[in-house]
Amino acid sequence: MTRMRAKMRIGGVEKFGDTVERLTFHGVAKDGPYPSDGSDEDNTFARFSPSVTMTMDLANPALLGKFKAGDTFYVDFTPVA
């Protein structure tokens, strides 16, 4: 099974009234060069996927207001059997 882990950061939170928020995520990359030994964690994903953008609309009242620009997350992609 092919799997992938992306390190993503929220670049913006857009509110639509009191019931929906749109989160915009961007792939995390290091400012400047990566160490040649590959030891920087951001290197493992961003080095091979230098441009990543994802949006997510939230309408779950329990999640609204919980996310802010600059929050960073791992996003795991695992195929469904």
Protein backbone atom coordinates (compact mmCIF):
# COMPACT_ATOMS: atom_id res chain seq x y z
CA MET A 1 0.00 0.00 0.00
CA THR A 2 1.26 3.45 -0.89
CA ARG A 3 1.19 5.91 2.00
CA MET A 4 2.28 9.51 2.35
CA ARG A 5 2.69 11.92 5.26
CA ALA A 6 2.57 15.64 4.54
CA LYS A 7 3.51 18.38 6.98
CA MET A 8 1.07 21.23 6.39
CA ARG A 9 0.56 24.68 7.90
CA ILE A 10 -2.62 26.75 7.97
CA GLY A 11 -2.05 29.86 5.88
CA GLY A 12 -5.44 31.38 6.48
CA VAL A 13 -8.85 30.98 8.10
CA GLU A 14 -11.81 32.53 6.29
CA LYS A 15 -15.14 32.84 8.13
CA PHE A 16 -18.51 32.59 6.38
CA GLY A 17 -20.99 33.92 8.90
CA ASP A 18 -21.11 32.06 12.21
CA THR A 19 -21.47 28.58 10.75
CA VAL A 20 -18.59 27.84 8.34
CA GLU A 21 -14.82 28.34 8.27
CA ARG A 22 -12.51 27.65 5.34
CA LEU A 23 -9.00 26.54 6.28
CA THR A 24 -6.28 26.94 3.66
CA PHE A 25 -3.24 24.72 4.16
CA HIS A 26 0.19 24.92 2.52
CA GLY A 27 3.02 22.40 2.53
CA VAL A 28 5.77 23.22 5.03
CA ALA A 29 9.22 23.80 3.59
CA LYS A 30 12.46 25.01 5.07
CA ASP A 31 13.65 28.58 4.47
CA GLY A 32 16.99 28.17 2.78
CA PRO A 33 18.84 25.03 1.73
CA TYR A 34 18.30 21.62 3.26
CA PRO A 35 21.26 19.87 4.91
CA SER A 36 22.95 17.51 2.47
CA ASP A 37 22.49 14.58 4.88
CA GLY A 38 18.66 14.96 4.68
CA SER A 39 18.37 15.38 8.46
CA ASP A 40 15.82 18.25 8.40
CA GLU A 41 12.31 16.89 9.00
CA ASP A 42 10.73 19.28 6.47
CA ASN A 43 13.05 17.79 3.85
CA THR A 44 11.34 14.40 3.74
CA PHE A 45 8.11 15.71 2.16
CA ALA A 46 8.76 19.20 0.80
CA ARG A 47 11.94 18.30 -1.05
CA PHE A 48 9.93 16.15 -3.45
CA SER A 49 6.59 18.06 -3.29
CA PRO A 50 7.59 21.71 -3.29
CA SER A 51 4.09 23.08 -3.87
CA VAL A 52 1.05 21.86 -1.92
CA THR A 53 -2.24 23.65 -1.24
CA MET A 54 -5.39 22.20 0.34
CA THR A 55 -8.64 23.81 1.48
CA MET A 56 -11.13 22.43 3.96
CA ASP A 57 -14.55 23.85 4.84
CA LEU A 58 -15.66 23.21 8.42
CA ALA A 59 -19.28 23.38 9.57
CA ASN A 60 -18.93 21.36 12.77
CA PRO A 61 -19.76 23.78 15.61
CA ALA A 62 -17.31 21.95 17.91
CA LEU A 63 -14.41 22.80 15.55
CA LEU A 64 -15.21 26.41 14.66
CA GLY A 65 -12.66 28.82 16.11
CA LYS A 66 -10.24 26.02 17.07
CA PHE A 67 -7.78 26.53 14.18
CA LYS A 68 -5.60 29.57 13.47
CA ALA A 69 -3.12 30.67 10.83
CA GLY A 70 0.31 29.24 11.61
CA ASP A 71 -0.95 25.99 13.19
CA THR A 72 1.00 23.05 11.74
CA PHE A 73 -0.24 19.48 11.28
CA TYR A 74 0.74 16.15 9.84
CA VAL A 75 -1.72 14.96 7.22
CA ASP A 76 -1.57 11.22 6.57
CA PHE A 77 -2.77 9.74 3.29
CA THR A 78 -3.57 6.05 3.67
CA PRO A 79 -5.52 4.17 0.99
CA VAL A 80 -8.89 2.72 1.92
CA ALA A 81 -9.00 -1.01 1.40
